[in-house]
Amino acid sequence: IYRPNKKEDTGALGYSKHLSLMTILNGLANNIDQVFVFHYIGTIELATYNFAIAIPNQIKGPMKSLASLIFPKFSERSDEEIRYGMRNKFILLFLASIIIILTYITLAPYIFHVFFPKYIDSIFYSQILSLSFLGIVSIPAEIYLSAKKKIKELYISNICLSVTQIVVTFIFILLWGLIGIVVARVFI
């Protein structure tokens, strides 16, 4: 039904290299918390922390797939069209994240009692971590930068966020231990 497109994007390879480079520091920043917990607090707290982040991370997975749905639409629309609809997207995502947070905070004790009865200590931390679901509000802005190939802005955003994440995580864990790293993760 659809004939193949003969268009070639000569800048795609260079752009993909930039995106890959950006994810290196981001990957380090997203996983350094494990090293900090193990090194500065201990193995028992690392297990508690891993169980606390397990369910929120699983819930975030489908939310991040939202990017795959938005990206093609943003690629074909003009900047003005995207900005016009952005406010509504922010409001909808904010309301959805509030519903998800409240639902998770309510259900987390039951989930842990059924599936992880030995890690009841993780419930409180996991409920606090659910506040990080508010971060899904930023997905349309991130997708906009990627879809419009705003390389400079993406570098600034990714580097600033990654460095801030590493520094805040390190400082908070030294000051407050396990609750510090949980708060740092929500803060980021």
Protein backbone atom coordinates (compact mmCIF):
# COMPACT_ATOMS: atom_id res chain seq x y z
CA ILE A 1 0.00 0.00 0.00
CA TYR A 2 2.78 2.43 0.92
CA ARG A 3 5.71 2.92 -1.41
CA PRO A 4 9.19 3.03 0.18
CA ASN A 5 10.55 6.45 0.91
CA LYS A 6 13.71 7.34 -1.03
CA LYS A 7 14.74 10.15 1.33
CA GLU A 8 18.01 9.74 3.19
CA ASP A 9 18.92 11.70 6.28
CA THR A 10 22.64 12.29 5.95
CA GLY A 11 22.84 13.84 9.41
CA ALA A 12 21.30 10.87 11.20
CA LEU A 13 24.59 9.08 11.85
CA GLY A 14 26.24 12.16 13.38
CA TYR A 15 23.17 12.90 15.46
CA SER A 16 22.99 9.32 16.74
CA LYS A 17 26.66 9.56 17.80
CA HIS A 18 25.84 12.66 19.83
CA LEU A 19 22.88 10.92 21.48
CA SER A 20 25.03 7.88 22.32
CA LEU A 21 27.75 10.08 23.82
CA MET A 22 25.20 11.86 25.99
CA THR A 23 23.91 8.60 27.42
CA ILE A 24 27.32 7.54 28.76
CA LEU A 25 27.40 10.12 31.57
CA ASN A 26 23.67 9.65 32.08
CA GLY A 27 24.15 5.90 32.56
CA LEU A 28 26.91 6.50 35.09
CA ALA A 29 24.78 9.01 36.99
CA ASN A 30 21.79 6.64 37.07
CA ASN A 31 23.81 3.77 38.54
CA ILE A 32 26.32 5.48 40.83
CA ASP A 33 23.78 5.42 43.65
CA GLN A 34 24.27 1.65 43.96
CA VAL A 35 28.01 2.10 44.45
CA PHE A 36 27.52 4.91 46.97
CA VAL A 37 25.02 2.91 49.04
CA PHE A 38 27.28 -0.15 49.10
CA HIS A 39 30.43 1.82 49.89
CA TYR A 40 29.14 4.37 52.40
CA ILE A 41 26.22 2.61 54.10
CA GLY A 42 26.49 -1.15 53.64
CA THR A 43 25.05 -4.27 52.06
CA ILE A 44 21.88 -4.55 54.13
CA GLU A 45 20.92 -1.00 53.23
CA LEU A 46 21.78 -1.72 49.58
CA ALA A 47 19.27 -4.59 49.58
CA THR A 48 16.66 -2.38 51.26
CA TYR A 49 17.33 0.37 48.72
CA ASN A 50 17.14 -2.01 45.74
CA PHE A 51 13.78 -3.34 46.88
CA ALA A 52 12.57 0.22 47.48
CA ILE A 53 13.42 1.30 43.92
CA ALA A 54 12.36 -1.93 42.20
CA ILE A 55 8.63 -1.30 41.82
CA PRO A 56 8.87 2.44 41.06
CA ASN A 57 11.44 1.66 38.34
CA GLN A 58 9.10 -0.95 36.85
CA ILE A 59 6.23 1.55 36.85
CA LYS A 60 8.39 4.16 35.13
CA GLY A 61 9.16 1.77 32.25
CA PRO A 62 5.82 2.11 30.46
CA MET A 63 5.83 5.85 31.15
CA LYS A 64 9.12 6.21 29.32
CA SER A 65 7.68 4.36 26.34
CA LEU A 66 5.43 7.38 25.99
CA ALA A 67 8.45 8.99 24.35
CA SER A 68 8.27 6.51 21.47
CA LEU A 69 4.69 7.57 20.83
CA ILE A 70 5.33 11.32 20.98
CA PHE A 71 8.59 11.44 19.01
CA PRO A 72 7.17 10.87 15.48
CA LYS A 73 4.45 13.47 16.01
CA PHE A 74 6.94 16.05 17.25
CA SER A 75 9.28 15.34 14.33
CA GLU A 76 6.72 16.29 11.73
CA ARG A 77 5.22 19.32 13.51
CA SER A 78 6.55 22.85 13.62
CA ASP A 79 7.95 24.44 16.78
CA GLU A 80 4.88 26.65 17.11
CA GLU A 81 2.48 23.72 16.89
CA ILE A 82 4.42 21.81 19.53
CA ARG A 83 4.63 24.77 21.90
CA TYR A 84 0.92 25.43 21.49
CA GLY A 85 -0.03 21.93 22.67
CA MET A 86 2.72 21.60 25.28
CA ARG A 87 0.78 23.20 28.13
CA ASN A 88 -2.04 20.67 27.84
CA LYS A 89 0.45 17.81 27.76
CA PHE A 90 2.14 19.09 30.92
CA ILE A 91 -1.18 19.36 32.75
CA LEU A 92 -2.34 15.89 31.68
CA LEU A 93 0.97 14.28 32.64
CA PHE A 94 0.98 16.10 35.98
CA LEU A 95 -2.52 14.87 36.82
CA ALA A 96 -1.64 11.34 35.69
CA SER A 97 1.50 11.34 37.82
CA ILE A 98 -0.47 12.51 40.89
CA ILE A 99 -2.95 9.65 40.41
CA ILE A 100 -0.11 7.14 40.00
CA ILE A 101 1.67 8.46 43.11
CA LEU A 102 -1.42 8.33 45.31
CA THR A 103 -2.32 4.86 44.04
CA TYR A 104 1.19 3.55 44.64
CA ILE A 105 1.48 5.06 48.13
CA THR A 106 -1.81 3.37 49.02
CA LEU A 107 -0.95 -0.03 47.50
CA ALA A 108 2.77 -0.28 48.35
CA PRO A 109 2.30 -1.75 51.86
CA TYR A 110 0.06 -4.50 50.49
CA ILE A 111 2.42 -5.25 47.60
CA PHE A 112 5.41 -5.53 49.91
CA HIS A 113 3.58 -7.66 52.46
CA VAL A 114 2.55 -10.12 49.75
CA PHE A 115 5.66 -10.22 47.51
CA PHE A 116 8.54 -8.99 49.70
CA PRO A 117 7.63 -9.77 53.33
CA LYS A 118 11.30 -9.78 54.39
CA TYR A 119 11.79 -6.23 53.10
CA ILE A 120 9.02 -4.37 54.91
CA ASP A 121 11.63 -1.70 55.77
CA SER A 122 11.64 -0.73 52.10
CA ILE A 123 8.00 0.39 52.06
CA PHE A 124 8.59 3.87 53.45
CA TYR A 125 11.52 4.52 51.09
CA SER A 126 9.56 3.17 48.14
CA GLN A 127 6.61 5.43 48.92
CA ILE A 128 8.93 8.44 49.02
CA LEU A 129 10.51 7.34 45.73
CA SER A 130 7.08 7.31 44.12
CA LEU A 131 7.19 11.12 44.24
CA SER A 132 9.77 10.88 41.45
CA PHE A 133 6.88 10.01 39.12
CA LEU A 134 6.36 13.76 38.87
CA GLY A 135 9.35 13.67 36.53
CA ILE A 136 7.19 12.31 33.72
CA VAL A 137 5.94 15.86 33.26
CA SER A 138 9.28 16.67 31.60
CA ILE A 139 8.97 13.94 28.94
CA PRO A 140 7.42 16.20 26.24
CA ALA A 141 10.19 18.78 26.67
CA GLU A 142 12.89 16.11 26.39
CA ILE A 143 11.23 14.64 23.30
CA TYR A 144 10.93 18.08 21.74
CA LEU A 145 14.69 18.62 22.07
CA SER A 146 15.43 15.21 20.58
CA ALA A 147 12.88 15.41 17.76
CA LYS A 148 14.08 18.83 16.67
CA LYS A 149 17.75 17.78 16.95
CA LYS A 150 18.67 20.52 19.41
CA ILE A 151 22.13 19.06 20.08
CA LYS A 152 23.51 21.95 22.12
CA GLU A 153 20.44 22.07 24.38
CA LEU A 154 20.49 18.28 24.80
CA TYR A 155 24.16 18.36 25.83
CA ILE A 156 23.50 21.13 28.35
CA SER A 157 20.45 19.35 29.73
CA ASN A 158 22.08 15.91 29.98
CA ILE A 159 25.41 17.08 31.36
CA CYS A 160 23.87 19.43 33.92
CA LEU A 161 21.37 16.81 35.06
CA SER A 162 23.96 14.02 35.27
CA VAL A 163 26.54 16.07 37.14
CA THR A 164 23.88 17.43 39.50
CA GLN A 165 22.60 13.90 40.08
CA ILE A 166 26.06 12.58 40.99
CA VAL A 167 26.92 15.52 43.26
CA VAL A 168 23.54 15.66 45.04
CA THR A 169 23.50 11.89 45.52
CA PHE A 170 27.00 11.93 47.00
CA ILE A 171 26.29 14.84 49.35
CA PHE A 172 22.89 13.56 50.50
CA ILE A 173 24.17 10.06 51.22
CA LEU A 174 27.03 11.45 53.29
CA LEU A 175 24.72 13.73 55.24
CA TRP A 176 21.64 11.53 55.77
CA GLY A 177 22.45 7.97 54.69
CA LEU A 178 19.75 5.90 53.03
CA ILE A 179 16.99 8.47 53.40
CA GLY A 180 19.39 10.99 51.88
CA ILE A 181 19.86 8.97 48.72
CA VAL A 182 16.11 8.41 48.43
CA VAL A 183 15.48 12.15 48.76
CA ALA A 184 18.27 12.87 46.27
CA ARG A 185 16.66 10.54 43.74
CA VAL A 186 13.31 12.27 44.14
CA PHE A 187 14.99 15.67 43.94
CA ILE A 188 16.71 14.77 40.68
